Amino acid sequence: MTGKSGLTLADVFSYESLVHAVAGAAGSVTAMTVFFPLDAARLRLQVDEKREPTSTPVILAEIMREEGLLAPYRGWFPVISSLCCSNFVYFYTFNTLKAICVKGHPSKSKDLMMGFISGVVNVLLTTPLWVVNTRLKLQGAKFRNDAIQQTNYQGILDAFKQIVRREGAMALWNGTFPSLLLVLNPAIQFMFYEGLKRQLRRGRPELTSLEVFVIGAIAKMVATTVTYPLQTVQSLLRFGQQRMGPESRVLGSLRSVIHLLSQRVRRHGMMGLYKGLEAKLLQTVLTAALMFLIYEKIAGLIFHLMGAWGLAGG
């Protein structure tokens, strides 16, 4: 069926978008697994205000000494599950929009728009998964801040049930407002990535593995540095230790975001907004670079194999 805009079901439910979504999900899961401990260090610095900011290796050494060797991988499964779903949704939406809107005429503004829309769709669908995995990842952690209350979830489903029963269903969307603002992160990331890729590919069939890794790292570094203060607020709201009224449950309201940002500045100065940035940059830049590399390789391999099968079948 085709509308006046020329949009067809084949554009929305396309084999190409599915390949990109599967490749993106596989790449992100592999990359996050490799660099997962770095994200654990970043999260501790964001939510535990009494933990002194120090280097990532020192934080990880403290965590392993106090909580065991496997503590940096606490909450791995719910994070990986959420990440797999999240990146599948994002890559599928982005590449579907790309097939519909670009039509051979790519531009930075189109990349930014497609990244923004894909991010909004992703946030609205997957925020409950991220709320649960943030809680599970920090469960049993030894905090410097005694005011933080420990939780006792028996897995992903039990966490969903307890949150809904004790805090209401809307608590699953805690932090949605900063998350919606943070769709600028992947939007900026994809704008830089697609733009750099177009520049480097001029007159060439494909990029080298090193080039893909480097431009993926650059794109994520820019996006993360710009949006990091909002990521800190997002982590605090998802953790659920901030007391909010019912009117701010769904969006983690603008008032709550401004309050948490100003509170952070009052207590720690402007640099408090960037507490944990080193760990975040180390983790997210390496993860994004490896993710894009694996994504490009998997997508390229599948398209190559399907093309070969198509020729053989013909």
C-alpha atoms as a PDB file:
ATOM      1  CA  MET A   1       0.000   0.000   0.000  1.00  0.00           C
ATOM      2  CA  THR A   2       1.356   3.424  -0.965  1.00  0.00           C
ATOM      3  CA  GLY A   3       0.274   6.772   0.444  1.00  0.00           C
ATOM      4  CA  LYS A   4       0.473  10.193  -1.164  1.00  0.00           C
ATOM      5  CA  SER A   5       3.955  10.605   0.284  1.00  0.00           C
ATOM      6  CA  GLY A   6       5.180   7.495  -1.530  1.00  0.00           C
ATOM      7  CA  LEU A   7       5.646   5.614   1.764  1.00  0.00           C
ATOM      8  CA  THR A   8       5.063   1.863   1.470  1.00  0.00           C
ATOM      9  CA  LEU A   9       4.982  -1.005   3.943  1.00  0.00           C
ATOM     10  CA  ALA A  10       8.118  -2.286   2.229  1.00  0.00           C
ATOM     11  CA  ASP A  11       9.908   0.897   3.359  1.00  0.00           C
ATOM     12  CA  VAL A  12       8.899   0.357   6.989  1.00  0.00           C
ATOM     13  CA  PHE A  13       9.305  -3.437   7.172  1.00  0.00           C
ATOM     14  CA  SER A  14      12.366  -3.808   5.009  1.00  0.00           C
ATOM     15  CA  TYR A  15      15.007  -6.512   4.967  1.00  0.00           C
ATOM     16  CA  GLU A  16      17.744  -3.843   4.891  1.00  0.00           C
ATOM     17  CA  SER A  17      16.496  -2.160   8.083  1.00  0.00           C
ATOM     18  CA  LEU A  18      16.279  -5.548   9.812  1.00  0.00           C
ATOM     19  CA  VAL A  19      19.888  -6.364   8.874  1.00  0.00           C
ATOM     20  CA  HIS A  20      21.087  -2.991  10.209  1.00  0.00           C
ATOM     21  CA  ALA A  21      19.073  -3.480  13.426  1.00  0.00           C
ATOM     22  CA  VAL A  22      20.449  -6.982  14.071  1.00  0.00           C
ATOM     23  CA  ALA A  23      24.013  -5.872  13.266  1.00  0.00           C
ATOM     24  CA  GLY A  24      23.690  -2.807  15.515  1.00  0.00           C
ATOM     25  CA  ALA A  25      22.279  -4.853  18.401  1.00  0.00           C
ATOM     26  CA  ALA A  26      25.007  -7.507  18.065  1.00  0.00           C
ATOM     27  CA  GLY A  27      27.736  -4.886  17.860  1.00  0.00           C
ATOM     28  CA  SER A  28      26.510  -2.997  20.920  1.00  0.00           C
ATOM     29  CA  VAL A  29      26.124  -6.151  23.041  1.00  0.00           C
ATOM     30  CA  THR A  30      29.643  -7.346  22.195  1.00  0.00           C
ATOM     31  CA  ALA A  31      31.232  -3.940  22.774  1.00  0.00           C
ATOM     32  CA  MET A  32      29.402  -3.293  26.052  1.00  0.00           C
ATOM     33  CA  THR A  33      30.386  -6.714  27.397  1.00  0.00           C
ATOM     34  CA  VAL A  34      34.063  -5.971  26.731  1.00  0.00           C
ATOM     35  CA  PHE A  35      34.000  -2.546  28.416  1.00  0.00           C
ATOM     36  CA  PHE A  36      31.251  -3.127  31.013  1.00  0.00           C
ATOM     37  CA  PRO A  37      33.472  -2.563  34.118  1.00  0.00           C
ATOM     38  CA  LEU A  38      34.241   0.971  32.930  1.00  0.00           C
ATOM     39  CA  ASP A  39      30.521   1.776  32.955  1.00  0.00           C
ATOM     40  CA  ALA A  40      30.219   0.366  36.483  1.00  0.00           C
ATOM     41  CA  ALA A  41      32.893   2.818  37.663  1.00  0.00           C
ATOM     42  CA  ARG A  42      31.129   5.733  35.951  1.00  0.00           C
ATOM     43  CA  LEU A  43      27.749   4.898  37.499  1.00  0.00           C
ATOM     44  CA  ARG A  44      29.183   4.743  41.034  1.00  0.00           C
ATOM     45  CA  LEU A  45      30.699   8.205  40.650  1.00  0.00           C
ATOM     46  CA  GLN A  46      27.415   9.629  39.343  1.00  0.00           C
ATOM     47  CA  VAL A  47      25.032   8.342  42.018  1.00  0.00           C
ATOM     48  CA  ASP A  48      27.292   8.130  45.113  1.00  0.00           C
ATOM     49  CA  GLU A  49      28.002  11.779  45.891  1.00  0.00           C
ATOM     50  CA  LYS A  50      30.303  10.969  48.826  1.00  0.00           C
ATOM     51  CA  ARG A  51      32.659   8.856  46.741  1.00  0.00           C
ATOM     52  CA  GLU A  52      35.757  10.896  45.941  1.00  0.00           C
ATOM     53  CA  PRO A  53      36.345  11.408  42.207  1.00  0.00           C
ATOM     54  CA  THR A  54      39.485   9.546  41.188  1.00  0.00           C
ATOM     55  CA  SER A  55      40.829   7.563  38.242  1.00  0.00           C
ATOM     56  CA  THR A  56      38.863   4.682  36.756  1.00  0.00           C
ATOM     57  CA  PRO A  57      41.435   1.971  37.667  1.00  0.00           C
ATOM     58  CA  VAL A  58      41.366   3.123  41.316  1.00  0.00           C
ATOM     59  CA  ILE A  59      37.543   3.037  41.425  1.00  0.00           C
ATOM     60  CA  LEU A  60      37.484  -0.464  39.913  1.00  0.00           C
ATOM     61  CA  ALA A  61      40.157  -1.664  42.350  1.00  0.00           C
ATOM     62  CA  GLU A  62      38.081  -0.339  45.284  1.00  0.00           C
ATOM     63  CA  ILE A  63      34.922  -2.028  43.983  1.00  0.00           C
ATOM     64  CA  MET A  64      36.669  -5.400  43.546  1.00  0.00           C
ATOM     65  CA  ARG A  65      38.395  -5.165  46.933  1.00  0.00           C
ATOM     66  CA  GLU A  66      35.196  -4.275  48.807  1.00  0.00           C
ATOM     67  CA  GLU A  67      32.631  -6.311  46.850  1.00  0.00           C
ATOM     68  CA  GLY A  68      34.470  -9.119  45.041  1.00  0.00           C
ATOM     69  CA  LEU A  69      36.211  -9.683  41.708  1.00  0.00           C
ATOM     70  CA  LEU A  70      32.976 -10.008  39.724  1.00  0.00           C
ATOM     71  CA  ALA A  71      31.364  -6.882  41.231  1.00  0.00           C
ATOM     72  CA  PRO A  72      32.197  -4.699  38.167  1.00  0.00           C
ATOM     73  CA  TYR A  73      29.971  -7.064  36.142  1.00  0.00           C
ATOM     74  CA  ARG A  74      27.025  -6.828  38.544  1.00  0.00           C
ATOM     75  CA  GLY A  75      23.828  -6.281  36.558  1.00  0.00           C
ATOM     76  CA  TRP A  76      25.426  -7.363  33.268  1.00  0.00           C
ATOM     77  CA  PHE A  77      22.467  -9.388  31.981  1.00  0.00           C
ATOM     78  CA  PRO A  78      19.728  -6.737  32.443  1.00  0.00           C
ATOM     79  CA  VAL A  79      22.015  -4.084  30.931  1.00  0.00           C
ATOM     80  CA  ILE A  80      22.831  -6.262  27.926  1.00  0.00           C
ATOM     81  CA  SER A  81      19.146  -7.166  27.475  1.00  0.00           C
ATOM     82  CA  SER A  82      18.160  -3.494  27.587  1.00  0.00           C
ATOM     83  CA  LEU A  83      21.002  -2.500  25.279  1.00  0.00           C
ATOM     84  CA  CYS A  84      20.116  -5.181  22.740  1.00  0.00           C
ATOM     85  CA  CYS A  85      16.468  -4.033  22.609  1.00  0.00           C
ATOM     86  CA  SER A  86      17.438  -0.357  22.638  1.00  0.00           C
ATOM     87  CA  ASN A  87      19.938  -0.569  19.794  1.00  0.00           C
ATOM     88  CA  PHE A  88      17.675  -2.815  17.726  1.00  0.00           C
ATOM     89  CA  VAL A  89      14.921  -0.186  17.977  1.00  0.00           C
ATOM     90  CA  TYR A  90      17.344   2.694  17.291  1.00  0.00           C
ATOM     91  CA  PHE A  91      19.116   1.174  14.282  1.00  0.00           C
ATOM     92  CA  TYR A  92      15.856  -0.109  12.786  1.00  0.00           C
ATOM     93  CA  THR A  93      14.158   3.285  13.118  1.00  0.00           C
ATOM     94  CA  PHE A  94      17.218   5.212  11.880  1.00  0.00           C
ATOM     95  CA  ASN A  95      17.718   3.062   8.783  1.00  0.00           C
ATOM     96  CA  THR A  96      13.991   2.991   7.999  1.00  0.00           C
ATOM     97  CA  LEU A  97      13.919   6.807   8.122  1.00  0.00           C
ATOM     98  CA  LYS A  98      17.100   6.864   6.042  1.00  0.00           C
ATOM     99  CA  ALA A  99      15.472   4.725   3.341  1.00  0.00           C
ATOM    100  CA  ILE A 100      12.344   6.901   3.348  1.00  0.00           C
ATOM    101  CA  CYS A 101      13.802  10.412   3.717  1.00  0.00           C
ATOM    102  CA  VAL A 102      17.274  10.446   2.209  1.00  0.00           C
ATOM    103  CA  LYS A 103      16.659   8.826  -1.197  1.00  0.00           C
ATOM    104  CA  GLY A 104      20.246   9.317  -2.326  1.00  0.00           C
ATOM    105  CA  HIS A 105      20.547  12.891  -0.968  1.00  0.00           C
ATOM    106  CA  PRO A 106      22.210  12.622   2.469  1.00  0.00           C
ATOM    107  CA  SER A 107      23.032  15.677   4.575  1.00  0.00           C
ATOM    108  CA  LYS A 108      24.087  16.522   8.135  1.00  0.00           C
ATOM    109  CA  SER A 109      20.706  18.072   8.907  1.00  0.00           C
ATOM    110  CA  LYS A 110      18.902  14.909   7.757  1.00  0.00           C
ATOM    111  CA  ASP A 111      21.272  12.746   9.810  1.00  0.00           C
ATOM    112  CA  LEU A 112      20.569  14.892  12.895  1.00  0.00           C
ATOM    113  CA  MET A 113      16.797  14.800  12.338  1.00  0.00           C
ATOM    114  CA  MET A 114      16.735  11.021  11.804  1.00  0.00           C
ATOM    115  CA  GLY A 115      18.931  10.484  14.852  1.00  0.00           C
ATOM    116  CA  PHE A 116      16.654  12.671  16.982  1.00  0.00           C
ATOM    117  CA  ILE A 117      13.437  10.911  15.909  1.00  0.00           C
ATOM    118  CA  SER A 118      15.028   7.480  16.361  1.00  0.00           C
ATOM    119  CA  GLY A 119      16.142   8.500  19.841  1.00  0.00           C
ATOM    120  CA  VAL A 120      12.649   9.640  20.873  1.00  0.00           C
ATOM    121  CA  VAL A 121      11.102   6.349  19.697  1.00  0.00           C
ATOM    122  CA  ASN A 122      13.814   4.415  21.512  1.00  0.00           C
ATOM    123  CA  VAL A 123      13.412   6.341  24.807  1.00  0.00           C
ATOM    124  CA  LEU A 124       9.637   5.974  24.952  1.00  0.00           C
ATOM    125  CA  LEU A 125       9.793   2.221  24.283  1.00  0.00           C
ATOM    126  CA  THR A 126      12.810   1.174  26.362  1.00  0.00           C
ATOM    127  CA  THR A 127      13.041   3.508  29.415  1.00  0.00           C
ATOM    128  CA  PRO A 128      11.428   0.909  31.769  1.00  0.00           C
ATOM    129  CA  LEU A 129      14.207  -1.543  30.888  1.00  0.00           C
ATOM    130  CA  TRP A 130      16.881   1.051  31.725  1.00  0.00           C
ATOM    131  CA  VAL A 131      15.235   1.992  35.034  1.00  0.00           C
ATOM    132  CA  VAL A 132      15.255  -1.663  36.093  1.00  0.00           C
ATOM    133  CA  ASN A 133      18.819  -2.340  34.973  1.00  0.00           C
ATOM    134  CA  THR A 134      20.130   0.765  36.784  1.00  0.00           C
ATOM    135  CA  ARG A 135      18.569  -0.521  40.026  1.00  0.00           C
ATOM    136  CA  LEU A 136      19.921  -4.053  39.524  1.00  0.00           C
ATOM    137  CA  LYS A 137      23.374  -2.816  38.602  1.00  0.00           C
ATOM    138  CA  LEU A 138      23.658  -0.898  41.887  1.00  0.00           C
ATOM    139  CA  GLN A 139      21.992  -3.513  44.098  1.00  0.00           C
ATOM    140  CA  GLY A 140      24.363  -4.697  46.807  1.00  0.00           C
ATOM    141  CA  ALA A 141      26.906  -1.968  46.083  1.00  0.00           C
ATOM    142  CA  LYS A 142      28.813  -0.459  49.011  1.00  0.00           C
ATOM    143  CA  PHE A 143      28.060   3.265  48.934  1.00  0.00           C
ATOM    144  CA  ARG A 144      29.887   6.058  50.731  1.00  0.00           C
ATOM    145  CA  ASN A 145      26.528   7.863  51.084  1.00  0.00           C
ATOM    146  CA  ASP A 146      24.601   6.289  54.005  1.00  0.00           C
ATOM    147  CA  ALA A 147      21.346   7.942  52.893  1.00  0.00           C
ATOM    148  CA  ILE A 148      21.085   5.585  49.899  1.00  0.00           C
ATOM    149  CA  GLN A 149      18.610   2.768  50.579  1.00  0.00           C
ATOM    150  CA  GLN A 150      19.463  -0.763  49.447  1.00  0.00           C
ATOM    151  CA  THR A 151      17.013  -2.757  47.319  1.00  0.00           C
ATOM    152  CA  ASN A 152      16.332  -6.493  47.156  1.00  0.00           C
ATOM    153  CA  TYR A 153      15.243  -7.476  43.658  1.00  0.00           C
ATOM    154  CA  GLN A 154      15.334 -11.146  42.598  1.00  0.00           C
ATOM    155  CA  GLY A 155      15.887 -10.479  38.914  1.00  0.00           C
ATOM    156  CA  ILE A 156      14.416  -8.422  36.073  1.00  0.00           C
ATOM    157  CA  LEU A 157      10.769  -9.500  36.411  1.00  0.00           C
ATOM    158  CA  ASP A 158      10.793  -9.167  40.205  1.00  0.00           C
ATOM    159  CA  ALA A 159      12.285  -5.677  39.876  1.00  0.00           C
ATOM    160  CA  PHE A 160       9.457  -4.668  37.522  1.00  0.00           C
ATOM    161  CA  LYS A 161       6.858  -6.042  39.963  1.00  0.00           C
ATOM    162  CA  GLN A 162       8.355  -4.384  43.060  1.00  0.00           C
ATOM    163  CA  ILE A 163       8.762  -0.987  41.392  1.00  0.00           C
ATOM    164  CA  VAL A 164       5.162  -1.004  40.117  1.00  0.00           C
ATOM    165  CA  ARG A 165       3.792  -2.205  43.477  1.00  0.00           C
ATOM    166  CA  ARG A 166       5.769   0.209  45.675  1.00  0.00           C
ATOM    167  CA  GLU A 167       6.200   3.272  43.465  1.00  0.00           C
ATOM    168  CA  GLY A 168       3.512   2.968  40.799  1.00  0.00           C
ATOM    169  CA  ALA A 169       3.760   2.068  37.112  1.00  0.00           C
ATOM    170  CA  MET A 170       4.902   5.564  36.143  1.00  0.00           C
ATOM    171  CA  ALA A 171       8.095   5.053  38.180  1.00  0.00           C
ATOM    172  CA  LEU A 172       9.256   2.826  35.314  1.00  0.00           C
ATOM    173  CA  TRP A 173       9.515   6.005  33.242  1.00  0.00           C
ATOM    174  CA  ASN A 174      11.587   7.906  35.845  1.00  0.00           C
ATOM    175  CA  GLY A 175      14.163  10.032  34.070  1.00  0.00           C
ATOM    176  CA  THR A 176      12.272  10.112  30.775  1.00  0.00           C
ATOM    177  CA  PHE A 177      12.571  13.896  30.491  1.00  0.00           C
ATOM    178  CA  PRO A 178      16.393  13.997  30.636  1.00  0.00           C
ATOM    179  CA  SER A 179      16.395  10.883  28.442  1.00  0.00           C
ATOM    180  CA  LEU A 180      14.374  12.746  25.813  1.00  0.00           C
ATOM    181  CA  LEU A 181      16.840  15.622  26.033  1.00  0.00           C
ATOM    182  CA  LEU A 182      19.624  13.070  25.728  1.00  0.00           C
ATOM    183  CA  VAL A 183      18.388  11.847  22.353  1.00  0.00           C
ATOM    184  CA  LEU A 184      20.692  14.637  21.225  1.00  0.00           C
ATOM    185  CA  ASN A 185      23.564  12.329  22.213  1.00  0.00           C
ATOM    186  CA  PRO A 186      22.981   9.595  19.613  1.00  0.00           C
ATOM    187  CA  ALA A 187      21.665  12.211  17.173  1.00  0.00           C
ATOM    188  CA  ILE A 188      24.946  14.162  17.405  1.00  0.00           C
ATOM    189  CA  GLN A 189      26.882  10.886  17.362  1.00  0.00           C
ATOM    190  CA  PHE A 190      25.219   9.642  14.169  1.00  0.00           C
ATOM    191  CA  MET A 191      25.471  13.058  12.508  1.00  0.00           C
ATOM    192  CA  PHE A 192      29.249  13.110  13.054  1.00  0.00           C
ATOM    193  CA  TYR A 193      29.641   9.410  12.219  1.00  0.00           C
ATOM    194  CA  GLU A 194      27.666   9.536   8.967  1.00  0.00           C
ATOM    195  CA  GLY A 195      29.289  12.849   7.969  1.00  0.00           C
ATOM    196  CA  LEU A 196      32.851  11.636   8.607  1.00  0.00           C
ATOM    197  CA  LYS A 197      32.083   8.356   6.851  1.00  0.00           C
ATOM    198  CA  ARG A 198      30.832  10.187   3.747  1.00  0.00           C
ATOM    199  CA  GLN A 199      33.945  12.377   3.698  1.00  0.00           C
ATOM    200  CA  LEU A 200      36.327   9.432   3.970  1.00  0.00           C
ATOM    201  CA  ARG A 201      34.462   7.221   1.486  1.00  0.00           C
ATOM    202  CA  ARG A 202      34.616   9.632  -1.427  1.00  0.00           C
ATOM    203  CA  GLY A 203      35.769   7.587  -4.413  1.00  0.00           C
ATOM    204  CA  ARG A 204      36.336   4.472  -2.269  1.00  0.00           C
ATOM    205  CA  PRO A 205      34.186   1.332  -1.956  1.00  0.00           C
ATOM    206  CA  GLU A 206      34.569   0.977   1.833  1.00  0.00           C
ATOM    207  CA  LEU A 207      36.493   2.163   4.890  1.00  0.00           C
ATOM    208  CA  THR A 208      39.215   0.249   6.699  1.00  0.00           C
ATOM    209  CA  SER A 209      38.536  -1.233  10.140  1.00  0.00           C
ATOM    210  CA  LEU A 210      40.815   1.369  11.738  1.00  0.00           C
ATOM    211  CA  GLU A 211      38.983   4.253  10.024  1.00  0.00           C
ATOM    212  CA  VAL A 212      35.586   2.963  11.202  1.00  0.00           C
ATOM    213  CA  PHE A 213      36.935   2.565  14.751  1.00  0.00           C
ATOM    214  CA  VAL A 214      38.432   6.077  14.822  1.00  0.00           C
ATOM    215  CA  ILE A 215      35.417   7.950  13.412  1.00  0.00           C
ATOM    216  CA  GLY A 216      33.120   6.004  15.750  1.00  0.00           C
ATOM    217  CA  ALA A 217      35.296   7.077  18.683  1.00  0.00           C
ATOM    218  CA  ILE A 218      35.400  10.740  17.599  1.00  0.00           C
ATOM    219  CA  ALA A 219      31.631  10.889  17.080  1.00  0.00           C
ATOM    220  CA  LYS A 220      30.883   9.439  20.511  1.00  0.00           C
ATOM    221  CA  MET A 221      33.471  11.610  22.282  1.00  0.00           C
ATOM    222  CA  VAL A 222      31.856  14.801  20.993  1.00  0.00           C
ATOM    223  CA  ALA A 223      28.313  13.637  21.802  1.00  0.00           C
ATOM    224  CA  THR A 224      29.178  12.429  25.321  1.00  0.00           C
ATOM    225  CA  THR A 225      31.082  15.550  26.374  1.00  0.00           C
ATOM    226  CA  VAL A 226      28.239  17.832  25.252  1.00  0.00           C
ATOM    227  CA  THR A 227      25.482  15.891  27.033  1.00  0.00           C
ATOM    228  CA  TYR A 228      27.228  14.463  30.131  1.00  0.00           C
ATOM    229  CA  PRO A 229      25.560  16.668  32.823  1.00  0.00           C
ATOM    230  CA  LEU A 230      22.157  15.425  31.655  1.00  0.00           C
ATOM    231  CA  GLN A 231      23.412  11.842  31.784  1.00  0.00           C
ATOM    232  CA  THR A 232      24.271  12.344  35.461  1.00  0.00           C
ATOM    233  CA  VAL A 233      20.735  13.602  36.192  1.00  0.00           C
ATOM    234  CA  GLN A 234      19.306  10.687  34.208  1.00  0.00           C
ATOM    235  CA  SER A 235      21.254   8.176  36.341  1.00  0.00           C
ATOM    236  CA  LEU A 236      20.107   9.818  39.594  1.00  0.00           C
ATOM    237  CA  LEU A 237      16.444   9.750  38.544  1.00  0.00           C
ATOM    238  CA  ARG A 238      16.601   6.151  37.326  1.00  0.00           C
ATOM    239  CA  PHE A 239      18.247   5.053  40.565  1.00  0.00           C
ATOM    240  CA  GLY A 240      15.089   6.262  42.304  1.00  0.00           C
ATOM    241  CA  GLN A 241      16.645   7.738  45.463  1.00  0.00           C
ATOM    242  CA  GLN A 242      15.421  11.236  44.565  1.00  0.00           C
ATOM    243  CA  ARG A 243      11.998  11.903  46.065  1.00  0.00           C
ATOM    244  CA  MET A 244       9.604  13.355  43.506  1.00  0.00           C
ATOM    245  CA  GLY A 245       5.929  14.193  43.623  1.00  0.00           C
ATOM    246  CA  PRO A 246       3.438  12.342  41.405  1.00  0.00           C
ATOM    247  CA  GLU A 247       3.274  15.261  38.979  1.00  0.00           C
ATOM    248  CA  SER A 248       6.905  14.683  37.992  1.00  0.00           C
ATOM    249  CA  ARG A 249       6.835  10.909  37.658  1.00  0.00           C
ATOM    250  CA  VAL A 250       6.358  10.588  33.913  1.00  0.00           C
ATOM    251  CA  LEU A 251       8.801  13.158  32.658  1.00  0.00           C
ATOM    252  CA  GLY A 252      11.129  13.460  35.641  1.00  0.00           C
ATOM    253  CA  SER A 253      10.038  17.034  35.155  1.00  0.00           C
ATOM    254  CA  LEU A 254      12.062  19.972  33.979  1.00  0.00           C
ATOM    255  CA  ARG A 255      11.903  21.309  37.545  1.00  0.00           C
ATOM    256  CA  SER A 256      13.533  18.128  38.878  1.00  0.00           C
ATOM    257  CA  VAL A 257      16.250  18.267  36.224  1.00  0.00           C
ATOM    258  CA  ILE A 258      17.075  21.913  36.991  1.00  0.00           C
ATOM    259  CA  HIS A 259      16.994  21.207  40.749  1.00  0.00           C
ATOM    260  CA  LEU A 260      19.426  18.283  40.469  1.00  0.00           C
ATOM    261  CA  LEU A 261      21.785  20.222  38.199  1.00  0.00           C
ATOM    262  CA  SER A 262      21.834  23.262  40.512  1.00  0.00           C
ATOM    263  CA  GLN A 263      22.211  21.036  43.597  1.00  0.00           C
ATOM    264  CA  ARG A 264      25.214  19.361  41.986  1.00  0.00           C
ATOM    265  CA  VAL A 265      26.823  22.721  41.220  1.00  0.00           C
ATOM    266  CA  ARG A 266      26.210  24.017  44.788  1.00  0.00           C
ATOM    267  CA  ARG A 267      27.795  20.957  46.376  1.00  0.00           C
ATOM    268  CA  HIS A 268      30.674  20.266  44.004  1.00  0.00           C
ATOM    269  CA  GLY A 269      31.072  23.322  41.761  1.00  0.00           C
ATOM    270  CA  MET A 270      30.750  23.304  37.970  1.00  0.00           C
ATOM    271  CA  MET A 271      33.124  20.337  37.734  1.00  0.00           C
ATOM    272  CA  GLY A 272      30.604  18.339  39.766  1.00  0.00           C
ATOM    273  CA  LEU A 273      28.481  18.171  36.624  1.00  0.00           C
ATOM    274  CA  TYR A 274      31.299  16.216  35.012  1.00  0.00           C
ATOM    275  CA  LYS A 275      32.075  13.858  37.899  1.00  0.00           C
ATOM    276  CA  GLY A 276      32.799  10.465  36.331  1.00  0.00           C
ATOM    277  CA  LEU A 277      33.334  11.912  32.834  1.00  0.00           C
ATOM    278  CA  GLU A 278      36.748  10.274  32.492  1.00  0.00           C
ATOM    279  CA  ALA A 279      35.255   6.827  33.162  1.00  0.00           C
ATOM    280  CA  LYS A 280      32.303   7.583  30.893  1.00  0.00           C
ATOM    281  CA  LEU A 281      34.487   8.781  28.016  1.00  0.00           C
ATOM    282  CA  LEU A 282      36.812   5.815  28.369  1.00  0.00           C
ATOM    283  CA  GLN A 283      33.895   3.385  28.372  1.00  0.00           C
ATOM    284  CA  THR A 284      31.523   5.000  25.915  1.00  0.00           C
ATOM    285  CA  VAL A 285      34.110   6.031  23.313  1.00  0.00           C
ATOM    286  CA  LEU A 286      35.733   2.596  23.212  1.00  0.00           C
ATOM    287  CA  THR A 287      32.336   0.873  23.284  1.00  0.00           C
ATOM    288  CA  ALA A 288      30.916   3.027  20.474  1.00  0.00           C
ATOM    289  CA  ALA A 289      34.036   2.627  18.343  1.00  0.00           C
ATOM    290  CA  LEU A 290      34.009  -1.173  18.714  1.00  0.00           C
ATOM    291  CA  MET A 291      30.227  -1.272  18.240  1.00  0.00           C
ATOM    292  CA  PHE A 292      30.384   0.631  14.930  1.00  0.00           C
ATOM    293  CA  LEU A 293      33.245  -1.600  13.747  1.00  0.00           C
ATOM    294  CA  ILE A 294      31.331  -4.823  14.514  1.00  0.00           C
ATOM    295  CA  TYR A 295      28.100  -3.323  13.133  1.00  0.00           C
ATOM    296  CA  GLU A 296      29.708  -2.418   9.794  1.00  0.00           C
ATOM    297  CA  LYS A 297      31.384  -5.834   9.516  1.00  0.00           C
ATOM    298  CA  ILE A 298      28.231  -7.828  10.333  1.00  0.00           C
ATOM    299  CA  ALA A 299      25.976  -5.737   8.075  1.00  0.00           C
ATOM    300  CA  GLY A 300      28.523  -5.886   5.240  1.00  0.00           C
ATOM    301  CA  LEU A 301      28.916  -9.652   5.614  1.00  0.00           C
ATOM    302  CA  ILE A 302      25.152 -10.307   5.605  1.00  0.00           C
ATOM    303  CA  PHE A 303      24.553  -8.077   2.571  1.00  0.00           C
ATOM    304  CA  HIS A 304      27.492  -9.742   0.785  1.00  0.00           C
ATOM    305  CA  LEU A 305      26.209 -13.246   1.540  1.00  0.00           C
ATOM    306  CA  MET A 306      22.632 -12.395   0.564  1.00  0.00           C
ATOM    307  CA  GLY A 307      23.900 -10.806  -2.641  1.00  0.00           C
ATOM    308  CA  ALA A 308      25.904 -13.931  -3.448  1.00  0.00           C
ATOM    309  CA  TRP A 309      22.907 -16.145  -2.715  1.00  0.00           C
ATOM    310  CA  GLY A 310      20.740 -13.919  -4.875  1.00  0.00           C
ATOM    311  CA  LEU A 311      23.153 -14.264  -7.794  1.00  0.00           C
ATOM    312  CA  ALA A 312      23.374 -18.020  -7.252  1.00  0.00           C
ATOM    313  CA  GLY A 313      19.600 -18.273  -7.112  1.00  0.00           C
ATOM    314  CA  GLY A 314      19.284 -16.216 -10.274  1.00  0.00           C
END
